[in-house]
N, C-alpha and C. Protein backbone atom coordinates (compact mmCIF):
# COMPACT_ATOMS: atom_id res chain seq x y z
N MET A 1 -14.52 20.78 16.38
CA MET A 1 -12.75 21.27 15.61
C MET A 1 -13.32 21.03 14.80
N GLU A 2 -12.71 22.00 13.75
CA GLU A 2 -12.38 21.57 12.77
C GLU A 2 -11.42 20.69 12.15
N SER A 3 -10.91 20.53 11.06
CA SER A 3 -10.64 18.90 10.64
C SER A 3 -8.87 19.74 9.97
N CYS A 4 -8.35 19.57 9.64
CA CYS A 4 -6.36 20.30 8.80
C CYS A 4 -7.37 20.66 6.89
N PRO A 5 -7.19 21.80 6.63
CA PRO A 5 -7.24 21.79 5.08
C PRO A 5 -6.28 21.10 3.88
N ASN A 6 -5.21 20.27 4.44
CA ASN A 6 -5.31 19.80 3.59
C ASN A 6 -4.84 18.37 3.51
N GLY A 7 -6.09 17.60 5.32
CA GLY A 7 -6.94 16.39 4.65
C GLY A 7 -5.44 15.71 5.48
N VAL A 8 -4.66 15.53 6.15
CA VAL A 8 -3.08 15.80 7.11
C VAL A 8 -3.50 14.64 8.03
N PHE A 9 -4.87 15.26 9.09
CA PHE A 9 -4.41 15.40 10.41
C PHE A 9 -6.24 14.41 10.27
N TYR A 10 -6.47 13.24 10.70
CA TYR A 10 -7.82 13.23 10.95
C TYR A 10 -8.25 13.00 12.33
N PHE A 11 -9.18 13.06 11.88
CA PHE A 11 -9.98 12.71 14.14
C PHE A 11 -10.55 12.42 14.10
N GLY A 12 -11.03 11.71 15.13
CA GLY A 12 -12.27 10.95 15.45
C GLY A 12 -11.94 10.23 17.01
N ASP A 13 -13.36 9.12 16.57
CA ASP A 13 -13.28 9.32 18.21
C ASP A 13 -13.39 7.08 18.11
N GLU A 14 -12.01 6.83 19.11
CA GLU A 14 -11.60 5.83 18.99
C GLU A 14 -12.66 5.17 19.63
N ASN A 15 -13.40 5.19 20.19
CA ASN A 15 -14.88 4.15 20.99
C ASN A 15 -15.55 3.67 19.20
N GLU A 16 -16.00 4.99 19.06
CA GLU A 16 -17.22 4.21 18.33
C GLU A 16 -16.30 4.52 16.31
N ASP A 17 -14.89 3.94 16.01
CA ASP A 17 -14.57 3.42 15.63
C ASP A 17 -13.97 4.13 13.58
N THR A 18 -13.95 6.05 13.49
CA THR A 18 -14.87 6.37 12.66
C THR A 18 -13.41 7.73 12.71
N VAL A 19 -12.58 8.39 12.30
CA VAL A 19 -12.50 9.02 11.85
C VAL A 19 -12.74 9.72 10.32
N THR A 20 -12.19 11.17 10.93
CA THR A 20 -12.58 11.76 9.43
C THR A 20 -11.11 12.71 8.68
N ASN A 21 -11.27 13.71 7.87
CA ASN A 21 -10.33 13.98 7.76
C ASN A 21 -10.57 15.35 7.21
N GLY A 22 -11.41 16.04 6.63
CA GLY A 22 -12.35 16.91 6.42
C GLY A 22 -13.31 16.41 4.74
N SER A 23 -12.44 15.39 3.90
CA SER A 23 -13.28 15.17 3.04
C SER A 23 -13.55 14.28 2.44
N GLU A 24 -13.06 13.01 3.73
CA GLU A 24 -13.62 11.12 3.96
C GLU A 24 -13.42 11.10 5.58
N THR A 25 -14.68 10.06 6.08
CA THR A 25 -14.25 9.53 6.82
C THR A 25 -14.66 8.02 6.56
N LEU A 26 -12.97 7.30 7.87
CA LEU A 26 -12.76 6.77 7.81
C LEU A 26 -13.76 5.43 8.45
N GLY A 27 -13.47 4.12 8.67
CA GLY A 27 -13.00 3.37 10.23
C GLY A 27 -11.27 3.47 10.89
N PHE A 28 -11.91 3.92 12.46
CA PHE A 28 -10.60 3.54 12.17
C PHE A 28 -9.59 2.64 12.77
N SER A 29 -10.08 1.46 13.14
CA SER A 29 -9.66 0.57 13.11
C SER A 29 -8.97 -0.27 11.56
N GLN A 30 -9.80 0.31 10.78
CA GLN A 30 -9.03 -0.75 9.60
C GLN A 30 -8.33 0.80 9.03
N LEU A 31 -8.69 1.96 8.96
CA LEU A 31 -7.25 3.47 8.65
C LEU A 31 -5.77 2.47 9.31
N LEU A 32 -5.73 2.41 11.28
CA LEU A 32 -4.50 1.84 11.28
C LEU A 32 -3.54 0.68 11.24
N LYS A 33 -5.13 -0.32 10.50
CA LYS A 33 -4.13 -1.79 9.92
C LYS A 33 -4.13 -1.32 8.56
N ASP A 34 -5.08 -1.02 7.61
CA ASP A 34 -3.97 -0.56 6.83
C ASP A 34 -2.15 0.42 5.78
N ARG A 35 -2.93 1.16 6.72
CA ARG A 35 -1.38 2.39 7.19
C ARG A 35 -0.71 1.67 7.91
N ALA A 36 -0.88 1.06 8.82
CA ALA A 36 0.71 0.54 10.01
C ALA A 36 0.77 1.03 10.63
N GLY A 37 -0.28 1.72 11.71
CA GLY A 37 -0.82 3.06 12.33
C GLY A 37 0.26 2.58 14.36
N TYR A 38 0.46 3.18 15.03
CA TYR A 38 1.21 3.83 16.04
C TYR A 38 1.60 4.65 17.18
N ARG A 39 1.24 4.10 17.93
CA ARG A 39 1.68 4.90 19.22
C ARG A 39 2.98 5.53 19.38
N PHE A 40 3.95 6.82 19.65
CA PHE A 40 4.84 7.00 20.10
C PHE A 40 4.96 6.81 21.37
N LEU A 41 6.24 5.31 22.03
CA LEU A 41 6.88 5.81 23.27
C LEU A 41 5.32 4.76 24.17
N GLU A 42 4.52 3.67 23.58
CA GLU A 42 3.79 3.64 24.16
C GLU A 42 4.25 2.11 24.88
N GLU A 43 5.50 1.68 25.09
CA GLU A 43 5.73 0.92 25.30
C GLU A 43 6.63 1.11 27.27
N LEU A 44 6.18 2.56 27.22
CA LEU A 44 6.21 3.56 28.30
C LEU A 44 5.32 3.02 28.92
N GLY A 45 4.08 2.64 28.86
CA GLY A 45 2.75 2.34 29.45
C GLY A 45 1.89 4.03 30.34
N THR A 46 2.47 5.07 29.03
CA THR A 46 1.67 5.32 29.06
C THR A 46 0.50 6.41 28.78
N LYS A 47 -0.19 5.08 27.64
CA LYS A 47 -1.31 5.22 27.39
C LYS A 47 -1.93 5.98 25.91
N PRO A 48 -0.44 6.47 24.90
CA PRO A 48 -0.61 7.60 24.28
C PRO A 48 -2.39 7.68 23.51
N ARG A 49 -2.70 8.37 23.19
CA ARG A 49 -4.41 8.60 22.54
C ARG A 49 -3.61 9.51 20.84
N VAL A 50 -3.13 9.30 20.57
CA VAL A 50 -1.95 9.44 19.26
C VAL A 50 -1.70 9.25 18.54
N TYR A 51 -2.16 8.71 17.20
CA TYR A 51 -1.60 7.58 16.30
C TYR A 51 -1.21 8.18 15.42
N TYR A 52 0.02 7.40 15.21
CA TYR A 52 0.83 7.68 13.96
C TYR A 52 0.96 7.16 12.49
N LEU A 53 0.46 7.87 11.38
CA LEU A 53 0.40 6.94 10.26
C LEU A 53 1.48 7.34 9.53
N PRO A 54 2.64 6.50 9.00
CA PRO A 54 3.52 6.69 8.29
C PRO A 54 2.65 7.09 6.72
N PRO A 55 3.95 7.68 5.92
CA PRO A 55 3.93 7.80 4.60
C PRO A 55 3.02 6.81 3.82
N LYS A 56 2.01 7.56 2.69
CA LYS A 56 2.12 6.06 1.87
C LYS A 56 2.60 5.89 0.36
N ASP A 57 3.51 6.76 0.12
CA ASP A 57 4.93 5.67 0.16
C ASP A 57 6.11 7.06 0.02
N ARG A 58 7.10 6.05 0.57
CA ARG A 58 7.92 6.67 0.97
C ARG A 58 9.38 6.11 -0.04
N GLN A 59 9.31 6.20 -1.64
CA GLN A 59 10.25 6.07 -1.87
C GLN A 59 11.12 7.27 -2.56
N PHE A 60 11.52 8.53 -3.06
CA PHE A 60 12.31 9.48 -2.82
C PHE A 60 12.33 9.00 -4.33
N PRO A 61 12.09 10.05 -4.66
CA PRO A 61 11.54 10.28 -6.76
C PRO A 61 12.84 9.65 -6.69
N VAL A 62 14.13 9.23 -6.94
CA VAL A 62 15.68 8.34 -7.56
C VAL A 62 14.73 6.80 -7.65
N GLU A 63 14.63 7.22 -6.59
CA GLU A 63 14.44 4.88 -5.90
C GLU A 63 13.29 5.11 -7.38
N ARG A 64 12.29 6.10 -7.56
CA ARG A 64 11.86 5.25 -8.28
C ARG A 64 12.11 4.86 -10.17
N GLY A 65 12.92 5.32 -10.57
CA GLY A 65 13.89 5.83 -11.70
C GLY A 65 13.91 6.96 -11.93
N TYR A 66 15.15 7.21 -12.01
CA TYR A 66 16.10 8.06 -12.45
C TYR A 66 16.55 8.63 -13.48
N ASP A 67 16.04 7.68 -14.85
CA ASP A 67 15.96 7.90 -16.07
C ASP A 67 14.98 8.88 -16.60
N ASP A 68 13.21 8.30 -15.72
CA ASP A 68 12.16 8.75 -16.23
C ASP A 68 11.89 10.54 -15.49
N LEU A 69 12.18 10.67 -14.60
CA LEU A 69 12.53 11.51 -13.79
C LEU A 69 11.88 13.94 -14.83
N PRO A 70 11.44 14.50 -15.05
CA PRO A 70 11.70 15.08 -15.02
C PRO A 70 12.86 16.13 -14.74
N GLU A 71 13.86 17.05 -16.14
CA GLU A 71 15.11 17.58 -16.10
C GLU A 71 15.45 17.90 -14.89
N ASN A 72 15.02 19.35 -13.70
CA ASN A 72 15.19 19.96 -12.64
C ASN A 72 14.64 18.83 -11.60
N ILE A 73 13.94 17.99 -11.46
CA ILE A 73 14.55 16.64 -10.47
C ILE A 73 15.44 16.00 -10.72
N LYS A 74 16.13 15.55 -11.94
CA LYS A 74 17.33 14.66 -12.75
C LYS A 74 18.86 15.85 -11.41
N GLU A 75 17.74 17.21 -12.56
CA GLU A 75 19.39 17.92 -11.46
C GLU A 75 19.82 18.05 -10.26
N ARG A 76 18.88 17.92 -9.46
CA ARG A 76 18.66 18.17 -7.74
C ARG A 76 19.37 16.73 -8.00
N PHE A 77 19.43 15.83 -8.36
CA PHE A 77 20.06 14.37 -7.39
C PHE A 77 21.09 14.08 -8.93
N LYS A 78 21.71 14.51 -9.33
CA LYS A 78 22.77 14.53 -10.47
C LYS A 78 24.09 14.02 -9.64
N ASP A 79 24.55 14.59 -8.60
CA ASP A 79 25.64 14.65 -8.15
C ASP A 79 25.36 13.56 -7.38
N ILE A 80 24.21 12.88 -6.24
CA ILE A 80 24.27 11.40 -5.83
C ILE A 80 24.60 10.66 -7.37
N MET A 81 23.05 10.74 -8.02
CA MET A 81 23.05 9.09 -9.25
C MET A 81 24.16 8.85 -10.11
N GLU A 82 25.33 10.37 -10.15
CA GLU A 82 26.65 9.98 -10.60
C GLU A 82 27.42 9.22 -10.15
N ALA A 83 27.85 9.30 -8.99
CA ALA A 83 28.85 8.96 -7.52
C ALA A 83 28.70 7.49 -7.79
N LYS A 84 26.67 7.57 -8.39
CA LYS A 84 26.91 5.60 -7.78
C LYS A 84 27.54 4.75 -9.21
N LYS A 85 27.64 5.20 -10.53
CA LYS A 85 28.19 4.96 -11.19
C LYS A 85 29.66 4.72 -12.13
């Protein structure tokens, strides 16, 4: 099986505790722990085999500091930021 060319999807074996995205190989259990991995609708008792990893950086550019953004990004968020003032 080929891995994701963008490195977004990890493939592996839960029993061997290793996964890879094509450019790096990691421990499966450690990846789930570090990135707060979860299974969708696990509470239904279907024992899903796909795990989801939340994004590493959830902040939008404006939340990181509006004043330090490039002008083209500032323009995109101008209406939102000016409404806050």
